[in-house]
């Protein structure tokens, strides 16, 4: 989405980092750039307003559920890996390793009777 007008901060950059802005996870200098962008760009301001409303709705409907301690640890561990620039494995790091599978050997079929034996 872009309004087509030139801005100091591009619409794509604002939208790519919108949740960081919503969650107050960016430096103040970047927040100021985003606020300036929202003042200039109504499509981005509209998207911001929509995402802010969704976030409030989710918090109101689901915000009272306690997060299991092990789930929180897993999520925080992955966030730490991402922030450190390390590769994030596709599997659960806290789960026991999968058991090795036994190799499957093909069964030999019984020999066919030769035409002479019939």
C-alpha atoms as a PDB file:
ATOM      1  CA  UNK A   1       0.000   0.000   0.000  1.00  0.00           C
ATOM      2  CA  UNK A   2       1.242   3.456  -0.819  1.00  0.00           C
ATOM      3  CA  UNK A   3      -0.490   6.756  -1.185  1.00  0.00           C
ATOM      4  CA  UNK A   4       1.795   7.618  -4.100  1.00  0.00           C
ATOM      5  CA  UNK A   5       3.129  10.763  -2.440  1.00  0.00           C
ATOM      6  CA  UNK A   6       6.801  11.106  -1.531  1.00  0.00           C
ATOM      7  CA  UNK A   7       7.555  10.908   2.189  1.00  0.00           C
ATOM      8  CA  UNK A   8      10.745  11.016   4.217  1.00  0.00           C
ATOM      9  CA  UNK A   9       9.868   7.508   5.425  1.00  0.00           C
ATOM     10  CA  UNK A  10       8.451   5.246   2.716  1.00  0.00           C
ATOM     11  CA  UNK A  11       5.033   3.670   3.209  1.00  0.00           C
ATOM     12  CA  UNK A  12       6.528   0.201   2.778  1.00  0.00           C
ATOM     13  CA  UNK A  13       8.970   0.795   5.642  1.00  0.00           C
ATOM     14  CA  UNK A  14       6.182   2.037   7.899  1.00  0.00           C
ATOM     15  CA  UNK A  15       3.960  -0.940   7.113  1.00  0.00           C
ATOM     16  CA  UNK A  16       6.820  -3.438   7.470  1.00  0.00           C
ATOM     17  CA  UNK A  17       7.508  -2.181  11.006  1.00  0.00           C
ATOM     18  CA  UNK A  18       3.973  -1.270  12.045  1.00  0.00           C
ATOM     19  CA  UNK A  19       3.759  -3.878  14.829  1.00  0.00           C
ATOM     20  CA  UNK A  20       7.073  -2.739  16.282  1.00  0.00           C
ATOM     21  CA  UNK A  21       5.578   0.755  16.438  1.00  0.00           C
ATOM     22  CA  UNK A  22       2.316  -0.523  17.944  1.00  0.00           C
ATOM     23  CA  UNK A  23       4.195  -2.558  20.542  1.00  0.00           C
ATOM     24  CA  UNK A  24       6.577   0.303  21.435  1.00  0.00           C
ATOM     25  CA  UNK A  25       9.569  -1.811  20.396  1.00  0.00           C
ATOM     26  CA  UNK A  26      11.453   0.764  18.363  1.00  0.00           C
ATOM     27  CA  UNK A  27      13.714   3.684  19.190  1.00  0.00           C
ATOM     28  CA  UNK A  28      12.094   7.042  19.898  1.00  0.00           C
ATOM     29  CA  UNK A  29      13.675   8.552  16.779  1.00  0.00           C
ATOM     30  CA  UNK A  30      11.941   5.958  14.591  1.00  0.00           C
ATOM     31  CA  UNK A  31       8.659   6.486  16.441  1.00  0.00           C
ATOM     32  CA  UNK A  32       8.869  10.193  15.651  1.00  0.00           C
ATOM     33  CA  UNK A  33       9.425   9.405  11.945  1.00  0.00           C
ATOM     34  CA  UNK A  34       6.399   7.123  11.938  1.00  0.00           C
ATOM     35  CA  UNK A  35       4.200   9.691  13.684  1.00  0.00           C
ATOM     36  CA  UNK A  36       5.233  12.280  11.098  1.00  0.00           C
ATOM     37  CA  UNK A  37       4.432   9.803   8.333  1.00  0.00           C
ATOM     38  CA  UNK A  38       0.957   9.136   9.764  1.00  0.00           C
ATOM     39  CA  UNK A  39       0.270  12.888   9.800  1.00  0.00           C
ATOM     40  CA  UNK A  40       1.118  13.045   6.071  1.00  0.00           C
ATOM     41  CA  UNK A  41      -0.296   9.743   4.818  1.00  0.00           C
ATOM     42  CA  UNK A  42      -3.948   8.873   5.344  1.00  0.00           C
ATOM     43  CA  UNK A  43      -3.757   5.275   3.940  1.00  0.00           C
ATOM     44  CA  UNK A  44      -1.003   4.382   6.411  1.00  0.00           C
ATOM     45  CA  UNK A  45      -2.853   6.155   9.211  1.00  0.00           C
ATOM     46  CA  UNK A  46      -5.948   4.127   8.354  1.00  0.00           C
ATOM     47  CA  UNK A  47      -3.950   0.871   8.398  1.00  0.00           C
ATOM     48  CA  UNK A  48      -2.394   1.892  11.732  1.00  0.00           C
ATOM     49  CA  UNK A  49      -5.845   2.596  13.177  1.00  0.00           C
ATOM     50  CA  UNK A  50      -7.171  -0.755  11.989  1.00  0.00           C
ATOM     51  CA  UNK A  51      -4.237  -2.718  13.427  1.00  0.00           C
ATOM     52  CA  UNK A  52      -4.477  -0.776  16.686  1.00  0.00           C
ATOM     53  CA  UNK A  53      -8.188  -1.644  16.943  1.00  0.00           C
ATOM     54  CA  UNK A  54      -7.490  -5.339  16.250  1.00  0.00           C
ATOM     55  CA  UNK A  55      -4.772  -5.369  18.894  1.00  0.00           C
ATOM     56  CA  UNK A  56      -7.145  -3.828  21.479  1.00  0.00           C
ATOM     57  CA  UNK A  57      -9.873  -6.316  20.578  1.00  0.00           C
ATOM     58  CA  UNK A  58      -7.531  -9.277  20.957  1.00  0.00           C
ATOM     59  CA  UNK A  59      -6.295  -7.945  24.285  1.00  0.00           C
ATOM     60  CA  UNK A  60      -9.845  -7.456  25.521  1.00  0.00           C
ATOM     61  CA  UNK A  61     -11.002 -10.906  24.397  1.00  0.00           C
ATOM     62  CA  UNK A  62      -7.874 -12.933  25.113  1.00  0.00           C
ATOM     63  CA  UNK A  63      -5.814 -10.781  27.435  1.00  0.00           C
ATOM     64  CA  UNK A  64      -6.902 -12.557  30.589  1.00  0.00           C
ATOM     65  CA  UNK A  65      -5.502 -15.955  29.661  1.00  0.00           C
ATOM     66  CA  UNK A  66      -2.298 -16.911  31.423  1.00  0.00           C
ATOM     67  CA  UNK A  67       0.478 -17.979  29.107  1.00  0.00           C
ATOM     68  CA  UNK A  68       1.999 -21.331  30.086  1.00  0.00           C
ATOM     69  CA  UNK A  69       5.538 -20.883  31.402  1.00  0.00           C
ATOM     70  CA  UNK A  70       7.051 -23.380  28.960  1.00  0.00           C
ATOM     71  CA  UNK A  71       5.400 -21.685  25.976  1.00  0.00           C
ATOM     72  CA  UNK A  72       6.679 -18.297  27.104  1.00  0.00           C
ATOM     73  CA  UNK A  73      10.200 -19.732  27.462  1.00  0.00           C
ATOM     74  CA  UNK A  74      10.050 -21.253  23.960  1.00  0.00           C
ATOM     75  CA  UNK A  75       8.867 -18.013  22.379  1.00  0.00           C
ATOM     76  CA  UNK A  76      11.442 -15.908  24.219  1.00  0.00           C
ATOM     77  CA  UNK A  77      14.177 -18.389  23.222  1.00  0.00           C
ATOM     78  CA  UNK A  78      13.260 -18.043  19.546  1.00  0.00           C
ATOM     79  CA  UNK A  79      13.147 -14.263  19.830  1.00  0.00           C
ATOM     80  CA  UNK A  80      16.628 -14.296  21.359  1.00  0.00           C
ATOM     81  CA  UNK A  81      17.905 -16.467  18.476  1.00  0.00           C
ATOM     82  CA  UNK A  82      16.393 -14.109  15.905  1.00  0.00           C
ATOM     83  CA  UNK A  83      17.831 -11.036  17.599  1.00  0.00           C
ATOM     84  CA  UNK A  84      21.253 -12.701  17.731  1.00  0.00           C
ATOM     85  CA  UNK A  85      21.012 -13.361  14.000  1.00  0.00           C
ATOM     86  CA  UNK A  86      21.146 -17.123  14.446  1.00  0.00           C
ATOM     87  CA  UNK A  87      19.185 -19.567  12.349  1.00  0.00           C
ATOM     88  CA  UNK A  88      15.937 -20.587  13.969  1.00  0.00           C
ATOM     89  CA  UNK A  89      15.319 -24.350  13.745  1.00  0.00           C
ATOM     90  CA  UNK A  90      12.007 -25.586  12.394  1.00  0.00           C
ATOM     91  CA  UNK A  91      11.574 -28.045  15.258  1.00  0.00           C
ATOM     92  CA  UNK A  92      10.852 -27.501  18.923  1.00  0.00           C
ATOM     93  CA  UNK A  93      14.152 -27.032  20.744  1.00  0.00           C
ATOM     94  CA  UNK A  94      12.730 -28.166  24.080  1.00  0.00           C
ATOM     95  CA  UNK A  95      11.081 -31.347  22.801  1.00  0.00           C
ATOM     96  CA  UNK A  96      12.937 -34.649  23.124  1.00  0.00           C
ATOM     97  CA  UNK A  97      14.734 -35.609  19.924  1.00  0.00           C
ATOM     98  CA  UNK A  98      12.757 -37.860  17.621  1.00  0.00           C
ATOM     99  CA  UNK A  99      13.545 -41.548  17.866  1.00  0.00           C
ATOM    100  CA  UNK A 100      15.584 -42.857  14.955  1.00  0.00           C
ATOM    101  CA  UNK A 101      13.540 -44.868  12.522  1.00  0.00           C
ATOM    102  CA  UNK A 102      14.543 -48.401  11.667  1.00  0.00           C
ATOM    103  CA  UNK A 103      15.563 -48.826   8.037  1.00  0.00           C
ATOM    104  CA  UNK A 104      12.971 -50.595   5.990  1.00  0.00           C
ATOM    105  CA  UNK A 105      14.336 -53.545   4.072  1.00  0.00           C
ATOM    106  CA  UNK A 106      12.326 -54.643   1.075  1.00  0.00           C
ATOM    107  CA  UNK A 107      10.714 -58.047   1.326  1.00  0.00           C
ATOM    108  CA  UNK A 108      11.738 -60.634  -1.154  1.00  0.00           C
ATOM    109  CA  UNK A 109       8.887 -62.172  -3.007  1.00  0.00           C
ATOM    110  CA  UNK A 110       8.628 -65.906  -3.445  1.00  0.00           C
ATOM    111  CA  UNK A 111      10.143 -67.096  -6.695  1.00  0.00           C
ATOM    112  CA  UNK A 112       7.645 -67.643  -9.478  1.00  0.00           C
ATOM    113  CA  UNK A 113       7.244 -71.183 -10.682  1.00  0.00           C
ATOM    114  CA  UNK A 114       9.022 -71.703 -13.931  1.00  0.00           C
ATOM    115  CA  UNK A 115       6.910 -72.766 -16.913  1.00  0.00           C
ATOM    116  CA  UNK A 116       8.535 -76.217 -16.852  1.00  0.00           C
ATOM    117  CA  UNK A 117       7.293 -76.909 -13.279  1.00  0.00           C
ATOM    118  CA  UNK A 118       3.634 -76.461 -14.207  1.00  0.00           C
END
